[in-house]
Amino acid sequence: MVSMTDTARAELDNYFADKQKAPIRVYLNKGGCCGPSLTLALDEPRENDDVFDVNGYTFVVEKELMAMASPITVDMTDYGFSVGSSLQLGGGSCGSGSCGGGSCGGSCS
């Protein structure tokens, strides 16, 4: 299951106000100084995806990831979109070392 907060929906409504809505992929970004994180990108569905219609938006998630991460919630923070799930992600050193100064973009939580 994928859900989104009202704040995230308002941001998507604003973004797509003057363009056609595209499917939104939730995927596991394995790199970066913050370690792995769930991230969003515009992308078309594939054979191995689960597809969800959430308040007029299409979200796609690889079936394997969905089995590990469900439920997934898309929210909006001061730093951008935030994707929460039951998936336990660790690693990285956000806020210290060479990643200091907030260059991780708020994806660490």
N, C-alpha and C. Protein backbone atom coordinates (compact mmCIF):
# COMPACT_ATOMS: atom_id res chain seq x y z
N MET A 1 0.83 -1.18 0.00
CA MET A 1 0.00 0.00 0.00
C MET A 1 0.88 1.25 0.00
N VAL A 2 0.49 2.22 -0.79
CA VAL A 2 1.16 3.51 -0.84
C VAL A 2 0.13 4.58 -0.48
N SER A 3 0.53 5.50 0.37
CA SER A 3 -0.33 6.63 0.72
C SER A 3 0.51 7.90 0.68
N MET A 4 -0.20 9.04 0.69
CA MET A 4 0.52 10.31 0.76
C MET A 4 -0.25 11.28 1.64
N THR A 5 0.49 12.18 2.23
CA THR A 5 -0.11 13.18 3.10
C THR A 5 -0.73 14.29 2.25
N ASP A 6 -1.59 15.07 2.88
CA ASP A 6 -2.19 16.22 2.19
C ASP A 6 -1.12 17.21 1.73
N THR A 7 -0.07 17.36 2.52
CA THR A 7 1.02 18.28 2.18
C THR A 7 1.74 17.82 0.92
N ALA A 8 2.00 16.52 0.82
CA ALA A 8 2.66 15.98 -0.37
C ALA A 8 1.74 16.12 -1.59
N ARG A 9 0.46 15.87 -1.40
CA ARG A 9 -0.48 16.00 -2.53
C ARG A 9 -0.53 17.45 -3.03
N ALA A 10 -0.55 18.40 -2.11
CA ALA A 10 -0.57 19.81 -2.50
C ALA A 10 0.68 20.16 -3.31
N GLU A 11 1.83 19.63 -2.93
CA GLU A 11 3.07 19.90 -3.66
C GLU A 11 3.02 19.27 -5.05
N LEU A 12 2.50 18.04 -5.15
CA LEU A 12 2.36 17.40 -6.46
C LEU A 12 1.35 18.15 -7.33
N ASP A 13 0.23 18.59 -6.73
CA ASP A 13 -0.75 19.37 -7.47
C ASP A 13 -0.11 20.63 -8.05
N ASN A 14 0.72 21.28 -7.25
CA ASN A 14 1.43 22.48 -7.69
C ASN A 14 2.41 22.16 -8.82
N TYR A 15 3.16 21.08 -8.66
CA TYR A 15 4.16 20.71 -9.67
C TYR A 15 3.50 20.37 -11.00
N PHE A 16 2.40 19.61 -10.96
CA PHE A 16 1.74 19.16 -12.19
C PHE A 16 0.66 20.12 -12.67
N ALA A 17 0.55 21.30 -12.09
CA ALA A 17 -0.50 22.25 -12.46
C ALA A 17 -0.49 22.60 -13.95
N ASP A 18 0.70 22.68 -14.53
CA ASP A 18 0.80 23.08 -15.94
C ASP A 18 1.39 21.99 -16.82
N LYS A 19 1.38 20.74 -16.35
CA LYS A 19 1.90 19.62 -17.14
C LYS A 19 1.07 18.37 -16.88
N GLN A 20 1.17 17.43 -17.79
CA GLN A 20 0.44 16.18 -17.65
C GLN A 20 1.04 15.35 -16.52
N LYS A 21 0.18 14.74 -15.70
CA LYS A 21 0.65 13.90 -14.61
C LYS A 21 1.39 12.69 -15.17
N ALA A 22 2.53 12.38 -14.57
CA ALA A 22 3.33 11.22 -14.94
C ALA A 22 3.38 10.26 -13.76
N PRO A 23 3.58 8.98 -14.02
CA PRO A 23 3.73 8.03 -12.91
C PRO A 23 4.95 8.38 -12.06
N ILE A 24 4.83 8.11 -10.77
CA ILE A 24 5.89 8.44 -9.81
C ILE A 24 6.42 7.13 -9.24
N ARG A 25 7.71 6.89 -9.44
CA ARG A 25 8.34 5.68 -8.94
C ARG A 25 8.90 5.92 -7.54
N VAL A 26 8.64 4.97 -6.64
CA VAL A 26 9.31 4.92 -5.35
C VAL A 26 10.40 3.86 -5.50
N TYR A 27 11.65 4.24 -5.25
CA TYR A 27 12.74 3.29 -5.42
C TYR A 27 13.76 3.45 -4.31
N LEU A 28 14.59 2.43 -4.16
CA LEU A 28 15.63 2.43 -3.15
C LEU A 28 16.89 3.00 -3.75
N ASN A 29 17.28 4.19 -3.25
CA ASN A 29 18.52 4.84 -3.66
C ASN A 29 19.60 4.30 -2.73
N LYS A 30 20.51 3.51 -3.25
CA LYS A 30 21.48 2.79 -2.42
C LYS A 30 22.71 3.62 -2.07
N GLY A 31 22.92 4.74 -2.73
CA GLY A 31 24.17 5.47 -2.53
C GLY A 31 24.00 6.73 -1.71
N GLY A 32 25.04 7.49 -1.71
CA GLY A 32 25.04 8.77 -1.00
C GLY A 32 25.63 8.67 0.39
N CYS A 33 26.00 9.81 0.91
CA CYS A 33 26.64 9.83 2.22
C CYS A 33 25.66 9.52 3.34
N CYS A 34 24.38 9.61 3.06
CA CYS A 34 23.38 9.34 4.09
C CYS A 34 23.00 7.87 4.15
N GLY A 35 23.55 7.07 3.27
CA GLY A 35 23.19 5.67 3.22
C GLY A 35 21.95 5.49 2.36
N PRO A 36 21.40 4.29 2.36
CA PRO A 36 20.24 4.02 1.50
C PRO A 36 19.01 4.79 1.96
N SER A 37 18.17 5.17 0.98
CA SER A 37 16.93 5.86 1.30
C SER A 37 15.91 5.59 0.19
N LEU A 38 14.65 5.67 0.55
CA LEU A 38 13.59 5.58 -0.45
C LEU A 38 13.45 6.95 -1.09
N THR A 39 13.33 6.98 -2.41
CA THR A 39 13.35 8.21 -3.18
C THR A 39 12.27 8.17 -4.25
N LEU A 40 11.91 9.33 -4.79
CA LEU A 40 10.90 9.43 -5.84
C LEU A 40 11.53 9.86 -7.15
N ALA A 41 10.96 9.37 -8.25
CA ALA A 41 11.37 9.80 -9.59
C ALA A 41 10.19 9.60 -10.53
N LEU A 42 10.13 10.38 -11.59
CA LEU A 42 9.10 10.18 -12.61
C LEU A 42 9.57 9.03 -13.50
N ASP A 43 8.69 8.04 -13.69
CA ASP A 43 9.09 6.85 -14.44
C ASP A 43 7.85 6.06 -14.84
N GLU A 44 7.94 5.32 -15.90
CA GLU A 44 6.84 4.49 -16.38
C GLU A 44 6.82 3.13 -15.67
N PRO A 45 5.63 2.54 -15.49
CA PRO A 45 5.54 1.21 -14.88
C PRO A 45 6.22 0.15 -15.75
N ARG A 46 6.73 -0.88 -15.07
CA ARG A 46 7.36 -2.02 -15.74
C ARG A 46 6.64 -3.29 -15.31
N GLU A 47 6.99 -4.40 -15.95
CA GLU A 47 6.33 -5.67 -15.67
C GLU A 47 6.44 -6.10 -14.21
N ASN A 48 7.55 -5.82 -13.57
CA ASN A 48 7.78 -6.28 -12.20
C ASN A 48 7.37 -5.25 -11.15
N ASP A 49 6.45 -4.34 -11.49
CA ASP A 49 6.01 -3.28 -10.58
C ASP A 49 4.61 -3.54 -10.04
N ASP A 50 4.37 -3.08 -8.83
CA ASP A 50 3.03 -2.89 -8.31
C ASP A 50 2.65 -1.45 -8.64
N VAL A 51 1.41 -1.23 -9.03
CA VAL A 51 0.94 0.11 -9.43
C VAL A 51 -0.20 0.50 -8.50
N PHE A 52 -0.14 1.72 -7.97
CA PHE A 52 -1.14 2.22 -7.03
C PHE A 52 -1.68 3.56 -7.51
N ASP A 53 -3.00 3.72 -7.46
CA ASP A 53 -3.63 5.01 -7.73
C ASP A 53 -3.92 5.65 -6.38
N VAL A 54 -3.26 6.76 -6.11
CA VAL A 54 -3.40 7.44 -4.82
C VAL A 54 -3.85 8.87 -5.08
N ASN A 55 -5.11 9.15 -4.82
CA ASN A 55 -5.65 10.50 -4.98
C ASN A 55 -5.35 11.10 -6.35
N GLY A 56 -5.50 10.29 -7.39
CA GLY A 56 -5.30 10.79 -8.74
C GLY A 56 -3.88 10.73 -9.26
N TYR A 57 -2.95 10.21 -8.47
CA TYR A 57 -1.56 10.05 -8.88
C TYR A 57 -1.24 8.57 -8.95
N THR A 58 -0.43 8.19 -9.94
CA THR A 58 0.00 6.81 -10.09
C THR A 58 1.38 6.64 -9.48
N PHE A 59 1.48 5.74 -8.51
CA PHE A 59 2.77 5.41 -7.90
C PHE A 59 3.14 4.00 -8.33
N VAL A 60 4.40 3.80 -8.70
CA VAL A 60 4.90 2.49 -9.07
C VAL A 60 6.05 2.10 -8.15
N VAL A 61 6.04 0.82 -7.75
CA VAL A 61 7.07 0.30 -6.85
C VAL A 61 7.39 -1.12 -7.30
N GLU A 62 8.67 -1.45 -7.41
CA GLU A 62 9.04 -2.83 -7.74
C GLU A 62 8.41 -3.76 -6.71
N LYS A 63 7.87 -4.88 -7.18
CA LYS A 63 7.17 -5.82 -6.30
C LYS A 63 8.04 -6.29 -5.15
N GLU A 64 9.30 -6.57 -5.43
CA GLU A 64 10.21 -7.03 -4.38
C GLU A 64 10.40 -5.97 -3.30
N LEU A 65 10.59 -4.73 -3.70
CA LEU A 65 10.72 -3.63 -2.74
C LEU A 65 9.42 -3.45 -1.97
N MET A 66 8.30 -3.52 -2.66
CA MET A 66 7.00 -3.34 -2.00
C MET A 66 6.79 -4.39 -0.92
N ALA A 67 7.19 -5.63 -1.17
CA ALA A 67 7.05 -6.71 -0.19
C ALA A 67 7.86 -6.41 1.07
N MET A 68 8.99 -5.75 0.93
CA MET A 68 9.84 -5.44 2.08
C MET A 68 9.45 -4.14 2.78
N ALA A 69 8.92 -3.16 2.03
CA ALA A 69 8.77 -1.80 2.55
C ALA A 69 7.34 -1.41 2.94
N SER A 70 6.35 -2.17 2.51
CA SER A 70 4.95 -1.78 2.73
C SER A 70 4.62 -1.69 4.21
N PRO A 71 3.85 -0.71 4.61
CA PRO A 71 3.26 0.37 3.83
C PRO A 71 4.26 1.51 3.60
N ILE A 72 4.06 2.22 2.51
CA ILE A 72 4.91 3.35 2.14
C ILE A 72 4.08 4.62 2.21
N THR A 73 4.63 5.66 2.83
CA THR A 73 3.96 6.95 2.93
C THR A 73 4.84 8.05 2.36
N VAL A 74 4.28 8.82 1.45
CA VAL A 74 4.98 9.95 0.85
C VAL A 74 4.54 11.22 1.57
N ASP A 75 5.50 11.99 2.05
CA ASP A 75 5.22 13.22 2.80
C ASP A 75 6.09 14.33 2.22
N MET A 76 5.88 15.52 2.70
CA MET A 76 6.64 16.69 2.27
C MET A 76 7.26 17.32 3.51
N THR A 77 8.55 17.64 3.44
CA THR A 77 9.24 18.31 4.53
C THR A 77 9.81 19.63 4.01
N ASP A 78 10.46 20.36 4.86
CA ASP A 78 11.11 21.61 4.45
C ASP A 78 12.21 21.36 3.42
N TYR A 79 12.72 20.12 3.35
CA TYR A 79 13.83 19.79 2.46
C TYR A 79 13.38 19.10 1.18
N GLY A 80 12.08 18.80 1.05
CA GLY A 80 11.58 18.10 -0.13
C GLY A 80 10.73 16.92 0.28
N PHE A 81 10.51 16.03 -0.66
CA PHE A 81 9.69 14.85 -0.39
C PHE A 81 10.43 13.90 0.54
N SER A 82 9.67 13.25 1.39
CA SER A 82 10.18 12.26 2.31
C SER A 82 9.36 11.00 2.12
N VAL A 83 10.01 9.86 2.04
CA VAL A 83 9.32 8.59 1.84
C VAL A 83 9.58 7.71 3.06
N GLY A 84 8.51 7.40 3.79
CA GLY A 84 8.61 6.56 4.96
C GLY A 84 8.08 5.16 4.67
N SER A 85 8.61 4.18 5.38
CA SER A 85 8.16 2.81 5.18
C SER A 85 8.55 1.96 6.39
N SER A 86 8.17 0.69 6.32
CA SER A 86 8.56 -0.25 7.38
C SER A 86 9.97 -0.78 7.16
N LEU A 87 10.57 -0.46 6.03
CA LEU A 87 11.92 -0.93 5.70
C LEU A 87 12.94 -0.27 6.62
N GLN A 88 13.76 -1.08 7.25
CA GLN A 88 14.79 -0.56 8.14
C GLN A 88 16.03 -0.22 7.32
N LEU A 89 16.28 1.08 7.19
CA LEU A 89 17.44 1.55 6.43
C LEU A 89 18.45 2.12 7.40
N GLY A 90 19.70 1.82 7.20
CA GLY A 90 20.74 2.33 8.08
C GLY A 90 21.96 2.68 7.28
N GLY A 91 23.00 3.07 7.99
CA GLY A 91 24.25 3.39 7.33
C GLY A 91 24.34 4.87 7.02
N GLY A 92 25.46 5.22 6.46
CA GLY A 92 25.68 6.62 6.12
C GLY A 92 26.05 7.42 7.34
N SER A 93 26.45 8.65 7.09
CA SER A 93 26.87 9.51 8.20
C SER A 93 26.40 10.93 7.94
N CYS A 94 25.11 11.08 7.69
CA CYS A 94 24.57 12.39 7.37
C CYS A 94 24.84 13.36 8.51
N GLY A 95 25.33 14.54 8.14
CA GLY A 95 25.57 15.57 9.14
C GLY A 95 26.96 15.54 9.71
N SER A 96 27.80 14.62 9.26
CA SER A 96 29.17 14.59 9.76
C SER A 96 30.10 14.27 8.61
N GLY A 97 31.38 14.44 8.84
CA GLY A 97 32.36 14.13 7.81
C GLY A 97 32.17 14.99 6.58
N SER A 98 32.39 14.38 5.43
CA SER A 98 32.35 15.14 4.18
C SER A 98 30.94 15.51 3.77
N CYS A 99 29.95 15.00 4.48
CA CYS A 99 28.57 15.26 4.11
C CYS A 99 27.98 16.43 4.91
N GLY A 100 28.74 17.07 5.75
CA GLY A 100 28.23 18.14 6.60
C GLY A 100 27.61 19.27 5.80
N GLY A 101 26.86 20.11 6.48
CA GLY A 101 26.28 21.26 5.85
C GLY A 101 24.97 21.01 5.16
N GLY A 102 24.36 19.86 5.44
CA GLY A 102 23.05 19.59 4.90
C GLY A 102 23.01 19.22 3.43
N SER A 103 24.14 18.81 2.85
CA SER A 103 24.14 18.52 1.43
C SER A 103 23.40 17.22 1.10
N CYS A 104 22.92 16.52 2.10
CA CYS A 104 22.17 15.29 1.84
C CYS A 104 20.74 15.60 1.43
N GLY A 105 20.32 16.82 1.49
CA GLY A 105 19.00 17.19 1.00
C GLY A 105 17.84 16.73 1.85
N GLY A 106 18.10 16.42 3.10
CA GLY A 106 17.00 16.08 3.99
C GLY A 106 16.48 14.66 3.82
N SER A 107 17.19 13.81 3.08
CA SER A 107 16.68 12.46 2.88
C SER A 107 17.00 11.54 4.04
N CYS A 108 17.81 11.97 4.96
CA CYS A 108 18.13 11.16 6.13
C CYS A 108 17.18 11.48 7.27
N SER A 109 16.64 10.48 7.86
CA SER A 109 15.80 10.71 9.03
C SER A 109 15.84 9.54 9.95
